[in-house]
Protein backbone atom coordinates (compact mmCIF):
# COMPACT_ATOMS: atom_id res chain seq x y z
CA MET A 1 -99.20 -76.54 121.57
CA SER A 2 -97.31 -76.07 125.02
CA ASP A 3 -97.42 -72.09 125.29
CA PHE A 4 -101.45 -72.16 124.45
CA LEU A 5 -102.21 -75.30 126.82
CA GLY A 6 -99.53 -73.16 129.53
CA SER A 7 -102.01 -70.63 129.07
CA PHE A 8 -104.74 -72.25 130.39
CA GLY A 9 -102.90 -73.53 133.34
CA LEU A 10 -102.87 -77.10 131.39
CA ARG A 11 -99.94 -79.70 130.17
CA TYR A 12 -100.17 -82.69 127.79
CA GLY A 13 -100.54 -85.63 129.56
CA ARG A 14 -102.75 -88.46 131.42
CA PRO A 15 -104.62 -85.95 132.97
CA LEU A 16 -105.66 -83.94 130.40
CA ILE A 17 -106.85 -86.58 128.76
CA GLU A 18 -108.87 -88.09 131.39
CA GLY A 19 -110.09 -84.83 132.30
CA ALA A 20 -111.17 -83.99 128.94
CA LEU A 21 -114.63 -83.00 129.53
CA GLU A 22 -113.61 -80.52 131.50
CA VAL A 23 -110.52 -79.35 129.43
CA GLU A 24 -113.29 -78.70 126.43
CA GLY A 25 -114.76 -76.45 129.42
CA ILE A 26 -112.37 -74.43 129.88
CA LEU A 27 -111.20 -73.97 126.14
CA GLU A 28 -114.61 -73.23 125.34
CA LEU A 29 -114.75 -76.20 122.56
CA PRO A 30 -117.89 -77.97 121.74
CA ALA A 31 -118.91 -81.20 123.53
CA GLY A 32 -117.10 -84.12 122.24
CA THR A 33 -114.42 -82.23 120.41
CA LEU A 34 -111.84 -83.56 122.65
CA ARG A 35 -112.46 -87.00 122.78
CA ASN A 36 -112.22 -87.60 119.01
CA ILE A 37 -109.11 -86.66 118.65
CA LEU A 38 -107.30 -87.63 122.19
CA PRO A 39 -105.96 -91.21 123.07
CA SER A 40 -107.56 -93.57 125.01
CA ALA A 41 -107.76 -97.61 126.08
CA ARG A 42 -110.13 -98.68 123.20
CA PRO A 43 -109.51 -96.45 120.17
CA SER A 44 -111.46 -96.74 117.19
CA ILE A 45 -108.11 -96.14 115.35
CA PRO A 46 -104.66 -97.78 115.97
CA THR A 47 -102.65 -94.44 116.00
CA ARG A 48 -105.11 -93.09 119.19
CA ASN A 49 -104.38 -96.12 121.25
CA TRP A 50 -102.72 -94.71 124.79
CA ARG A 51 -100.61 -97.87 125.06
CA PHE A 52 -98.49 -96.88 122.29
CA GLU A 53 -98.58 -93.41 122.66
CA ARG A 54 -94.86 -91.88 122.85
CA HIS A 55 -93.70 -90.03 125.93
CA HIS A 56 -90.22 -89.45 125.35
CA SER A 57 -89.98 -87.95 122.13
CA ALA A 58 -91.67 -86.75 119.63
CA PRO A 59 -90.72 -86.65 115.98
CA VAL A 60 -91.23 -84.70 113.29
CA CYS A 61 -91.42 -84.83 109.42
CA PRO A 62 -89.18 -82.18 107.94
CA ASP A 63 -90.85 -82.02 104.69
CA CYS A 64 -94.53 -82.26 106.39
CA ILE A 65 -92.92 -78.62 108.47
CA SER A 66 -91.80 -77.01 105.51
CA ASP A 67 -95.20 -77.61 104.18
CA GLY A 68 -96.53 -75.95 107.03
CA LYS A 69 -98.60 -78.89 107.87
CA PRO A 70 -99.86 -79.92 111.53
CA HIS A 71 -98.13 -82.32 113.18
CA HIS A 72 -99.45 -85.75 112.53
CA HIS A 73 -101.10 -87.46 115.04
CA SER A 74 -99.62 -90.79 113.59
CA TRP A 75 -96.49 -89.88 114.42
CA ARG A 76 -97.11 -90.08 117.98
CA HIS A 77 -97.59 -94.02 118.03
CA SER A 78 -94.46 -95.79 119.28
CA PHE A 79 -94.43 -97.82 115.91
CA VAL A 80 -94.26 -95.28 113.36
CA THR A 81 -91.25 -94.18 112.29
CA ALA A 82 -91.66 -92.92 108.87
CA CYS A 83 -93.91 -90.25 106.96
CA SER A 84 -95.84 -92.08 104.41
CA GLU A 85 -96.57 -88.88 102.80
CA HIS A 86 -92.95 -87.82 101.94
CA GLY A 87 -91.06 -91.42 102.33
CA LEU A 88 -88.85 -90.10 104.94
CA ARG A 89 -87.38 -90.89 108.22
CA LEU A 90 -89.35 -89.35 111.04
CA VAL A 91 -86.77 -87.54 113.11
CA ASP A 92 -86.41 -86.98 117.08
CA GLU A 93 -82.75 -85.39 117.87
CA CYS A 94 -82.08 -82.02 117.69
CA PRO A 95 -78.55 -81.60 115.20
CA MET A 96 -77.96 -78.55 117.51
CA CYS A 97 -78.69 -79.72 121.21
CA GLY A 98 -78.65 -83.42 120.55
CA GLU A 99 -81.79 -83.51 122.48
CA ASN A 100 -84.56 -85.62 121.94
CA PHE A 101 -87.75 -83.82 120.29
CA MET A 102 -90.09 -83.69 124.10
CA PRO A 103 -93.77 -83.47 123.94
CA GLY A 104 -94.79 -80.22 125.71
CA ARG A 105 -91.43 -78.56 124.66
CA GLY A 106 -90.52 -76.41 121.74
CA GLY A 107 -92.91 -74.63 119.34
CA TYR A 108 -94.17 -76.16 116.15
CA ASP A 109 -91.51 -75.27 113.73
CA SER A 110 -88.38 -74.95 116.06
CA CYS A 111 -86.64 -77.15 119.26
CA HIS A 112 -86.86 -75.26 122.61
CA CYS A 113 -83.27 -74.48 121.66
CA GLY A 114 -84.23 -72.29 118.43
CA CYS A 115 -83.30 -74.91 115.97
CA PRO A 116 -85.40 -74.34 112.79
CA LEU A 117 -87.35 -78.13 112.26
CA ASP A 118 -87.84 -77.44 108.44
CA ARG A 119 -83.94 -77.33 108.63
CA LEU A 120 -83.12 -80.92 109.43
CA PRO A 121 -81.37 -83.57 107.65
CA ARG A 122 -83.74 -85.83 105.61
CA ASN A 123 -83.21 -89.70 105.05
CA GLN A 124 -85.46 -91.83 103.22
CA ALA A 125 -87.02 -94.44 105.01
CA LEU A 126 -87.05 -98.10 103.50
CA GLU A 127 -89.91 -99.31 101.97
CA VAL A 128 -90.63 -101.74 104.75
CA GLU A 129 -90.56 -99.21 107.89
CA VAL A 130 -92.76 -96.71 104.67
CA ALA A 131 -95.16 -99.95 104.67
CA LEU A 132 -95.49 -100.20 108.15
CA SER A 133 -95.97 -96.73 109.18
CA ALA A 134 -99.00 -96.65 106.71
CA LEU A 135 -99.95 -99.63 108.10
CA ILE A 136 -100.48 -98.24 111.47
CA SER A 137 -101.49 -94.73 110.06
CA GLY A 138 -104.36 -96.61 108.25
CA ASP A 139 -103.08 -94.96 104.55
CA MET A 140 -103.08 -96.18 101.51
CA HIS A 141 -100.16 -96.65 100.14
CA PRO A 142 -98.23 -98.29 97.44
CA ALA A 143 -95.62 -99.20 99.84
CA ARG A 144 -97.64 -101.71 101.32
CA SER A 145 -97.97 -104.37 98.86
CA ALA A 146 -94.90 -105.75 100.42
CA LEU A 147 -97.21 -106.67 103.37
CA PRO A 148 -98.72 -110.19 104.15
CA PRO A 149 -102.08 -109.91 101.37
CA ALA A 150 -104.65 -109.46 104.18
CA LEU A 151 -102.64 -106.38 105.55
CA ALA A 152 -102.08 -104.88 102.15
CA PHE A 153 -105.75 -102.89 102.40
CA ARG A 154 -106.43 -103.85 105.87
CA THR A 155 -106.04 -102.08 109.34
CA PRO A 156 -106.81 -103.83 112.14
CA VAL A 157 -107.89 -101.52 115.35
CA ASP A 158 -105.41 -104.41 117.33
CA ILE A 159 -102.95 -103.62 114.96
CA GLY A 160 -100.21 -101.68 117.48
CA GLU A 161 -100.85 -104.87 119.37
CA PHE A 162 -99.74 -107.34 116.51
CA VAL A 163 -96.98 -105.48 115.70
CA TYR A 164 -96.30 -105.24 119.68
CA PHE A 165 -96.46 -109.25 119.82
CA LEU A 166 -94.14 -109.92 116.40
CA ALA A 167 -91.27 -108.08 118.08
CA SER A 168 -91.28 -108.70 121.61
CA VAL A 169 -91.30 -112.53 121.30
CA GLU A 170 -87.58 -112.14 119.60
CA VAL A 171 -86.73 -110.20 122.71
CA GLU A 172 -85.75 -111.29 125.94
CA THR A 173 -86.89 -109.69 129.00
CA GLU A 174 -85.51 -110.27 132.59
CA THR A 175 -88.43 -112.23 134.22
CA GLY A 176 -88.51 -114.37 131.40
CA LYS A 177 -92.43 -113.43 130.60
CA GLN A 178 -93.51 -112.65 126.96
CA GLY A 179 -95.68 -109.06 126.60
CA LYS A 180 -93.56 -107.61 129.15
CA THR A 181 -90.86 -106.40 127.22
CA PRO A 182 -90.96 -102.45 127.56
CA LEU A 183 -91.74 -100.14 124.66
CA PRO A 184 -89.08 -98.43 122.41
CA LYS A 185 -88.23 -94.97 123.78
CA ASN A 186 -87.01 -92.75 120.39
CA LEU A 187 -86.71 -93.86 117.22
CA ALA A 188 -83.60 -95.66 117.22
CA GLU A 189 -84.79 -98.02 120.05
CA ALA A 190 -88.25 -98.34 118.19
CA THR A 191 -85.61 -99.36 114.64
CA ALA A 192 -84.10 -101.64 116.28
CA PHE A 193 -87.11 -103.12 117.84
CA LEU A 194 -89.58 -103.55 115.06
CA GLU A 195 -86.43 -105.84 113.25
CA PRO A 196 -88.21 -108.96 113.78
CA VAL A 197 -91.72 -107.01 111.71
CA PHE A 198 -89.86 -105.79 109.04
CA SER A 199 -87.42 -109.23 108.50
CA THR A 200 -91.09 -111.14 108.73
CA PHE A 201 -92.18 -108.13 106.35
CA CYS A 202 -89.66 -108.50 104.05
CA ASP A 203 -89.49 -112.21 103.65
CA TRP A 204 -92.73 -113.15 103.83
CA PRO A 205 -94.17 -115.81 104.81
CA ALA A 206 -90.49 -117.77 104.45
CA ARG A 207 -89.65 -116.25 107.67
CA PHE A 208 -92.84 -116.21 109.49
CA GLU A 209 -92.46 -120.34 108.66
CA CYS A 210 -89.28 -120.62 109.69
CA ALA A 211 -90.58 -119.06 113.84
CA VAL A 212 -93.05 -121.70 113.65
CA SER A 213 -91.27 -124.12 112.20
CA ALA A 214 -88.50 -123.67 115.06
CA ARG A 215 -90.85 -123.89 118.01
CA LEU A 216 -91.99 -127.01 116.76
CA SER A 217 -88.82 -128.52 116.55
CA ASN A 218 -87.72 -126.77 120.04
CA SER A 219 -90.08 -129.72 122.15
CA GLY A 220 -90.36 -132.56 122.49
CA ALA A 221 -94.39 -132.18 124.18
CA PRO A 222 -97.09 -134.69 122.44
CA THR A 223 -99.69 -131.58 120.68
CA ALA A 224 -98.54 -129.12 118.57
CA PRO A 225 -100.11 -126.16 120.79
CA MET A 226 -97.94 -127.37 123.82
CA ARG A 227 -94.83 -127.02 121.75
CA LEU A 228 -95.82 -123.19 120.59
CA GLY A 229 -97.06 -122.57 123.67
CA LYS A 230 -97.61 -118.74 124.85
CA TRP A 231 -96.98 -118.33 121.41
CA TYR A 232 -99.41 -119.72 119.94
CA GLN A 233 -101.87 -118.32 122.28
CA ARG A 234 -100.90 -115.13 121.85
CA LEU A 235 -101.35 -115.74 118.34
CA ASN A 236 -104.28 -116.69 118.45
CA ALA A 237 -105.98 -113.54 120.83
CA PHE A 238 -105.64 -111.73 117.23
CA ASP A 239 -108.66 -112.73 114.83
CA GLY A 240 -110.34 -111.58 112.06
CA GLN A 241 -109.53 -111.76 107.87
CA ALA A 242 -106.32 -109.01 108.57
CA TYR A 243 -104.60 -112.11 110.18
CA ASN A 244 -105.63 -114.49 107.80
CA ASP A 245 -102.77 -115.14 106.38
CA PHE A 246 -100.54 -115.85 109.53
CA HIS A 247 -103.02 -118.01 110.62
CA ALA A 248 -103.02 -120.07 107.38
CA THR A 249 -99.11 -120.26 107.29
CA LEU A 250 -98.95 -121.69 110.78
CA GLY A 251 -101.68 -124.59 110.11
CA LYS A 252 -99.84 -125.44 106.72
CA VAL A 253 -96.22 -125.77 108.69
CA VAL A 254 -97.96 -127.59 111.67
CA GLN A 255 -99.74 -129.75 108.38
CA ARG A 256 -96.32 -130.28 107.12
CA GLU A 257 -93.99 -130.59 110.10
CA PHE A 258 -95.77 -132.32 113.33
CA ASP A 259 -97.52 -135.83 113.30
CA GLY A 260 -98.18 -135.23 117.19
CA ALA A 261 -101.15 -136.92 118.66
CA TYR A 262 -103.31 -133.28 118.31
CA ALA A 263 -102.53 -130.60 116.22
CA GLY A 264 -105.07 -127.88 117.97
CA GLY A 265 -106.46 -125.62 116.23
CA ALA A 266 -103.71 -125.43 113.40
CA ASP A 267 -104.36 -128.26 111.55
CA ALA A 268 -106.63 -127.45 109.12
CA PRO A 269 -105.82 -124.35 107.96
CA SER A 270 -108.66 -123.05 105.25
CA ASP A 271 -111.10 -124.69 107.94
CA MET A 272 -110.54 -124.68 112.09
CA ARG A 273 -109.76 -120.82 111.64
CA ASN A 274 -114.02 -120.77 111.59
CA TRP A 275 -114.08 -123.52 115.00
CA VAL A 276 -113.41 -121.98 118.30
CA SER A 277 -113.15 -123.61 121.61
CA ALA A 278 -115.75 -124.07 124.32
CA ALA A 279 -113.98 -121.59 126.42
CA GLU A 280 -113.92 -118.56 123.66
CA ALA A 281 -117.54 -119.15 122.51
CA ALA A 282 -118.38 -118.82 125.99
CA LYS A 283 -116.93 -115.78 126.16
CA ILE A 284 -118.48 -114.29 122.83
CA LEU A 285 -122.06 -115.46 123.77
CA HIS A 286 -121.27 -114.83 128.22
CA ILE A 287 -122.27 -117.36 129.39
CA ARG A 288 -120.28 -120.49 130.99
CA ALA A 289 -117.96 -123.23 129.03
CA ASP A 290 -119.38 -126.57 130.53
CA ARG A 291 -122.77 -125.36 129.16
CA LEU A 292 -121.73 -125.39 125.71
CA VAL A 293 -119.89 -128.65 125.94
CA ASP A 294 -122.92 -130.39 128.03
CA ALA A 295 -125.04 -128.84 124.71
CA THR A 296 -122.14 -130.20 122.29
CA ALA A 297 -122.50 -133.83 124.10
CA LYS A 298 -126.10 -134.10 124.19
CA GLN A 299 -126.17 -133.02 120.44
CA ARG A 300 -128.49 -129.85 121.09
CA ILE A 301 -125.47 -127.89 119.27
CA PRO A 302 -122.57 -129.56 116.53
CA GLY A 303 -119.31 -129.35 117.56
CA ARG A 304 -116.17 -131.72 117.35
CA LYS A 305 -114.16 -133.03 120.16
CA TYR A 306 -110.52 -133.81 120.02
CA ALA A 307 -108.11 -135.67 122.54
CA SER A 308 -104.88 -133.96 123.20
CA GLY A 309 -101.88 -136.35 124.07
CA PHE A 310 -102.72 -136.08 128.27
CA GLY A 311 -106.20 -137.35 127.62
CA HIS A 312 -107.82 -133.91 127.76
CA ARG A 313 -110.63 -133.76 125.32
CA HIS A 314 -111.55 -130.46 123.83
CA THR A 315 -115.14 -129.17 122.77
CA MET A 316 -114.60 -126.76 119.40
CA ILE A 317 -117.68 -125.17 118.02
CA HIS A 318 -117.76 -123.90 114.69
CA ARG A 319 -118.34 -119.58 114.43
CA ASP A 320 -121.57 -119.75 112.55
CA THR A 321 -123.11 -122.00 115.41
CA VAL A 322 -121.86 -119.87 117.83
CA ALA A 323 -123.48 -116.39 115.56
CA ASP A 324 -126.61 -118.38 115.28
CA ILE A 325 -126.63 -119.47 119.38
CA ALA A 326 -125.79 -115.24 119.74
CA ARG A 327 -128.97 -114.25 117.35
CA ASP A 328 -130.52 -116.36 119.79
CA ARG A 329 -130.05 -115.47 122.89
CA GLN A 330 -130.67 -112.03 121.98
CA ARG A 331 -134.41 -112.52 120.36
CA PHE A 332 -135.37 -114.71 123.35
CA ILE A 333 -135.61 -112.31 126.61
CA ASP A 334 -136.88 -113.14 129.64
CA LYS A 335 -139.63 -112.05 131.74
CA THR A 336 -138.08 -108.63 133.09
CA THR A 337 -137.25 -108.03 129.61
CA ALA A 338 -140.30 -108.42 128.21
CA ARG A 339 -142.34 -106.82 130.51
CA GLU A 340 -139.97 -104.02 129.37
CA VAL A 341 -140.67 -104.14 125.95
CA PHE A 342 -144.75 -104.17 126.78
CA GLY A 343 -143.86 -101.22 129.04
CA ILE A 344 -146.24 -103.08 132.24
CA SER A 345 -146.17 -103.95 135.45
CA ARG A 346 -145.42 -107.01 136.89
CA LYS A 347 -149.14 -107.54 138.24
CA GLN A 348 -150.54 -106.70 134.83
CA TYR A 349 -147.96 -109.21 133.09
CA ASP A 350 -149.59 -112.10 135.59
CA LEU A 351 -153.22 -110.42 134.72
CA LEU A 352 -152.54 -111.21 130.93
CA ALA A 353 -150.55 -114.61 131.68
CA GLU A 354 -153.87 -115.62 133.52
CA ALA A 355 -155.63 -114.54 130.12
CA GLY A 356 -153.52 -116.71 127.93
CA PHE A 357 -151.97 -113.54 126.19
CA ILE A 358 -148.50 -114.43 127.24
CA CYS A 359 -148.27 -117.63 125.96
CA ARG A 360 -148.26 -117.15 122.54
CA PHE A 361 -145.10 -115.72 122.30
CA ILE A 362 -143.33 -118.63 124.41
CA PRO A 363 -142.91 -121.78 122.21
CA GLU A 364 -143.35 -124.69 122.73
CA THR A 365 -139.49 -125.96 121.93
CA LEU A 366 -136.69 -123.10 122.93
CA PRO A 367 -134.15 -123.05 120.94
CA PRO A 368 -130.72 -124.22 123.27
CA LEU A 369 -128.44 -122.56 125.44
CA VAL A 370 -131.39 -119.60 125.82
CA ASP A 371 -131.77 -117.80 129.21
CA GLY A 372 -135.34 -116.30 128.14
CA GLN A 373 -138.59 -117.82 126.91
CA HIS A 374 -140.17 -115.18 125.24
CA ASP A 375 -140.07 -114.61 121.93
CA SER A 376 -139.08 -110.41 120.85
CA VAL A 377 -140.05 -110.75 117.35
CA ALA A 378 -143.24 -112.07 117.66
CA ILE A 379 -143.59 -109.66 120.17
CA LYS A 380 -142.36 -107.07 118.52
CA ARG A 381 -144.42 -108.34 115.45
CA PHE A 382 -147.95 -108.57 117.46
CA VAL A 383 -148.00 -105.13 118.77
CA ALA A 384 -146.73 -103.55 115.06
CA ASP A 385 -149.67 -105.60 113.84
CA THR A 386 -151.90 -104.39 116.16
CA ALA A 387 -150.86 -100.90 115.59
CA SER A 388 -151.75 -101.18 111.83
CA THR A 389 -155.41 -102.33 113.00
CA ALA A 390 -156.17 -98.88 114.77
CA THR A 391 -159.62 -97.29 114.67
CA GLU A 392 -161.29 -93.83 115.32
CA VAL A 393 -162.53 -93.48 118.83
CA GLU A 394 -165.20 -91.40 119.82
CA GLY A 395 -165.55 -90.18 123.17
CA THR A 396 -162.98 -91.30 126.31
CA THR A 397 -160.04 -93.67 125.78
CA VAL A 398 -158.42 -95.71 128.14
CA ALA A 399 -154.93 -97.12 128.17
CA LEU A 400 -153.55 -100.45 128.33
CA LYS A 401 -151.28 -99.73 131.13
CA ASP A 402 -154.43 -98.28 133.01
CA LEU A 403 -156.65 -101.71 132.79
CA ASN A 404 -155.98 -103.75 135.79
CA LEU A 405 -156.90 -104.50 138.93
CA ARG A 406 -157.33 -100.45 139.84
CA PHE A 407 -159.44 -100.28 137.45
CA THR A 408 -162.24 -102.93 137.79
CA THR A 409 -161.85 -105.45 141.03
CA ASP A 410 -163.28 -107.74 138.38
CA ALA A 411 -159.76 -110.10 136.99
CA ALA A 412 -162.03 -112.59 135.00
CA ALA A 413 -163.67 -109.19 133.12
CA LEU A 414 -159.96 -107.83 132.66
CA LYS A 415 -159.59 -111.07 131.27
CA GLU A 416 -161.94 -111.09 128.86
CA VAL A 417 -160.46 -107.32 127.84
CA PHE A 418 -156.85 -108.80 127.08
CA CYS A 419 -158.68 -111.61 124.86
CA ARG A 420 -160.30 -108.68 122.87
CA ILE A 421 -157.03 -106.92 122.31
CA SER A 422 -155.18 -110.27 121.75
CA ASN A 423 -157.75 -111.35 118.84
CA GLY A 424 -158.19 -108.33 117.75
CA ARG A 425 -161.66 -107.85 118.47
CA LEU A 426 -161.07 -104.76 120.13
CA ARG A 427 -158.89 -102.58 118.49
CA PRO A 428 -156.55 -99.36 119.64
CA ALA A 429 -157.49 -95.97 118.83
CA LYS A 430 -155.81 -94.23 116.58
CA GLY A 431 -152.60 -91.53 116.89
CA SER A 432 -151.92 -93.67 120.00
CA THR A 433 -150.02 -96.90 118.87
CA ASP A 434 -146.22 -94.85 118.29
CA GLY A 435 -144.99 -96.21 121.31
CA ARG A 436 -145.09 -98.98 123.69
CA PHE A 437 -147.67 -101.08 123.87
CA ALA A 438 -148.68 -100.36 127.75
CA GLY A 439 -149.92 -96.85 126.06
CA PHE A 440 -151.96 -98.47 123.12
CA ARG A 441 -155.66 -96.83 124.54
CA PHE A 442 -159.18 -97.50 123.46
CA SER A 443 -162.45 -97.12 123.65
CA ARG A 444 -163.89 -96.74 127.06
CA LYS A 445 -167.19 -97.64 126.06
CA GLU A 446 -165.85 -100.49 124.47
CA VAL A 447 -164.18 -101.69 127.32
CA ASP A 448 -166.74 -101.11 130.21
CA THR A 449 -169.65 -103.25 127.63
CA ILE A 450 -167.05 -105.78 128.29
CA ILE A 451 -166.29 -105.72 131.49
CA ALA A 452 -170.35 -105.25 132.46
CA ALA A 453 -171.34 -108.30 130.29
CA VAL A 454 -168.44 -110.52 131.72
CA ARG A 455 -169.57 -109.16 135.52
CA HIS A 456 -172.94 -110.22 135.25
CA GLY A 457 -173.96 -111.98 132.13
CA PRO A 458 -177.37 -110.66 130.30
CA GLY A 459 -178.96 -108.92 133.58
CA LEU A 460 -178.91 -106.08 135.17
CA THR A 461 -177.66 -104.88 137.73
CA ILE A 462 -179.02 -103.36 141.43
CA GLN A 463 -177.64 -99.83 140.21
CA LEU A 464 -179.01 -100.30 136.77
CA VAL A 465 -182.61 -101.43 137.64
CA ALA A 466 -182.45 -98.14 140.24
CA GLU A 467 -181.22 -95.78 137.62
CA LEU A 468 -184.12 -97.14 135.06
CA THR A 469 -186.78 -97.18 137.64
CA GLY A 470 -185.97 -94.27 139.70
CA TRP A 471 -186.23 -96.10 142.85
CA LYS A 472 -183.31 -96.19 145.37
CA ASP A 473 -181.14 -98.84 144.78
CA GLN A 474 -180.99 -98.94 148.42
CA CYS A 475 -183.70 -99.94 148.66
CA VAL A 476 -183.58 -102.61 145.41
CA ALA A 477 -180.78 -104.63 146.99
CA GLN A 478 -183.47 -104.57 150.20
CA TRP A 479 -186.39 -106.16 147.92
CA CYS A 480 -183.76 -108.94 146.95
CA LYS A 481 -182.62 -109.73 150.27
CA GLN A 482 -185.99 -110.44 151.53
CA GLY A 483 -186.80 -112.47 148.35
CA LEU A 484 -189.52 -110.13 146.91
CA ILE A 485 -186.99 -109.66 143.46
CA GLN A 486 -185.58 -113.12 141.81
CA HIS A 487 -182.25 -112.29 141.67
CA GLU A 488 -179.03 -114.42 140.45
CA GLU A 489 -176.29 -113.55 143.37
CA TYR A 490 -172.67 -113.60 142.03
CA PRO A 491 -168.94 -112.55 143.87
CA HIS A 492 -167.74 -109.33 143.68
CA ALA A 493 -164.56 -107.45 144.92
CA GLY A 494 -165.37 -109.79 148.63
CA LYS A 495 -169.24 -109.31 148.45
CA VAL A 496 -171.64 -110.10 147.44
CA GLY A 497 -173.14 -109.24 143.94
CA ARG A 498 -176.96 -109.08 142.47
CA ILE A 499 -178.05 -109.88 139.06
CA ILE A 500 -181.64 -109.38 137.78
CA SER A 501 -183.57 -110.19 135.09
CA GLN A 502 -185.28 -108.32 133.32
CA GLU A 503 -187.98 -111.51 133.13
CA ASP A 504 -187.84 -110.85 136.81
CA LEU A 505 -187.98 -107.05 136.81
CA CYS A 506 -191.36 -107.43 134.88
CA ARG A 507 -192.55 -109.87 136.95
CA PHE A 508 -191.70 -108.18 140.66
CA GLN A 509 -193.61 -104.69 138.72
CA MET A 510 -196.60 -107.14 137.97
CA GLU A 511 -196.87 -108.13 141.31
CA TYR A 512 -195.98 -104.92 143.52
CA VAL A 513 -195.81 -101.12 143.44
CA PRO A 514 -193.53 -98.66 145.69
CA VAL A 515 -195.79 -96.65 147.72
CA SER A 516 -193.69 -93.66 147.04
CA THR A 517 -194.35 -94.60 142.82
CA LEU A 518 -198.08 -94.65 143.67
CA ALA A 519 -198.00 -91.22 145.75
CA GLY A 520 -197.08 -89.30 142.98
CA GLN A 521 -199.31 -90.74 140.05
CA LEU A 522 -202.17 -89.67 143.17
CA GLY A 523 -200.41 -86.61 143.91
CA THR A 524 -200.19 -86.79 147.64
CA SER A 525 -197.97 -88.03 150.23
CA ALA A 526 -196.14 -91.69 151.04
CA ARG A 527 -196.82 -90.87 154.78
CA HIS A 528 -200.72 -89.68 153.74
CA LEU A 529 -201.18 -92.60 151.23
CA MET A 530 -200.24 -95.58 153.98
CA THR A 531 -202.78 -93.86 156.16
CA THR A 532 -205.24 -94.10 154.31
CA LEU A 533 -204.70 -97.47 153.19
CA SER A 534 -204.27 -98.35 156.52
CA ASN A 535 -207.75 -97.55 157.43
CA ILE A 536 -209.13 -99.50 154.60
CA GLY A 537 -206.82 -102.62 155.91
CA ILE A 538 -203.89 -102.67 153.31
CA GLU A 539 -200.51 -102.69 154.83
CA THR A 540 -197.29 -102.30 153.22
CA ILE A 541 -194.88 -104.94 152.95
CA GLY A 542 -190.84 -104.56 152.21
CA ALA A 543 -190.29 -101.94 153.88
CA PHE A 544 -186.48 -101.53 156.21
CA GLN A 545 -185.14 -99.67 158.96
CA ASP A 546 -182.95 -96.75 157.89
CA GLY A 547 -181.59 -94.94 160.55
CA THR A 548 -184.60 -93.57 162.10
CA ALA A 549 -186.51 -93.33 158.75
CA TRP A 550 -187.96 -96.67 157.77
CA ARG A 551 -188.30 -97.06 153.51
CA GLY A 552 -189.10 -99.34 151.05
CA HIS A 553 -192.56 -99.66 151.11
CA LEU A 554 -194.65 -101.67 148.60
CA LEU A 555 -197.75 -102.71 147.96
CA LYS A 556 -199.70 -105.37 146.54
CA LEU A 557 -201.23 -104.75 143.53
CA SER A 558 -203.53 -107.61 144.13
CA ASP A 559 -204.29 -106.10 147.87
CA LEU A 560 -205.43 -103.01 145.69
CA ALA A 561 -207.57 -104.76 143.56
CA SER A 562 -209.19 -106.37 146.23
CA ALA A 563 -209.80 -103.20 148.14
CA ARG A 564 -211.16 -101.37 145.45
CA LYS A 565 -213.59 -104.36 144.37
CA THR A 566 -214.93 -104.41 148.62
CA THR A 567 -215.54 -100.12 148.19
CA GLN A 568 -218.01 -101.19 145.07
């Protein structure tokens, strides 16, 4: 491998691992190829944990080399000392040159000095060595029956850290700090380092019980956690079913040998492992621990309280309760997230809220310890139900996201449209309901009808009157201002809108006729008609000046009738 990488100017190590994407380009590999086989700080399997990567030796199995099999990636783990397939101890020292096999030196089947690897001495590994190597490698092997039952068929991703914990507690460091023990550099050091682990597994659970008992008796502290110290905290960091045997055994020993004021989480092995401290629950939920303590004190969530020998109070919360809180916190979302789910803007959210659309998703009573008020489940259910009512729409459509104050300045009309959508009276168009709610499209004709009805009720706008009669809307507006057409006023876009009922329009048409309309019927011009009528004493009304011209001349039908009688 070293020769192959060297031909590309590469060398195996941290730079290659951290620059995996660039290396894939150099080697012309598909993206993601190296990511699945290189070690990392957060691996998906224990054997690819960068922390336990061997840097000072590269052991091999002679039988695997003889069979032409590739070097197994598990051999790179500091705690793997045996080949689980052949039951042999790995070899990392060359019998010819006396040096350790090193990463990046030598070939596939030979040492850098030329010694063939398939001729290396073969030594049978102990059953516990094979069991531990198979455990770390994730191989199902009969030797694993020698392990604690919970580990016989499970390989937790943090098993390397757990093995390091069991081995390092027996090693004295220069600083005296636990967890600072250096890793073994070769197989000989690894075998010596793992001796406490081998002993624990070979004599399970007696050896582990003795270790717990010794720690309890070495201190006169009033509580079990204080006597066990950092060791107890480090053990509790390993959770999950794979470690149940260790926690259960710890609980049995504490229950049997400790009679102090507070036994901590080890008091009840069968039950208390399902309880976590408020601090640990807070880390799981990503909230402050004091919120959990306060909620427990106010009985908003179930919990237990314990008092330690020094008067400290400990709040414990069941894991099921923590899981329920986590589900509720995920379910209830804040305003910003709710807008993202709908796909709407801040302004449109406010319009929907004013229309009473949003309140249906905010329950009166919220679960404890949630930060948001909006029920995401109810939102998704409403969107799905609305999508299921989609219908065929003829003509143009308008998307919900476009129904805003730029579409119409009448906020009241928009609110009515939203209410119709909310109660299902305005249904979306088929083919528009696959995405977010903001993309649902609705009939433009129906939306305009709703807006028109809200804006001016059952009457006619000036524009509509002008369209129906052929009069200029400018003239109609002036006649309204002069009081010739009865109407109702309403605020519109900061100005005044006018609504004319059909009765008032008919009354106006019974009293007046525009000069232009009458001139058109008589086949003459409006100017000639006004001159002729003026000569017989009939004057127009309702006129207004528009620039240099006068428009909107009206004739009273009663004046025309009187003039006709006079001429007869």
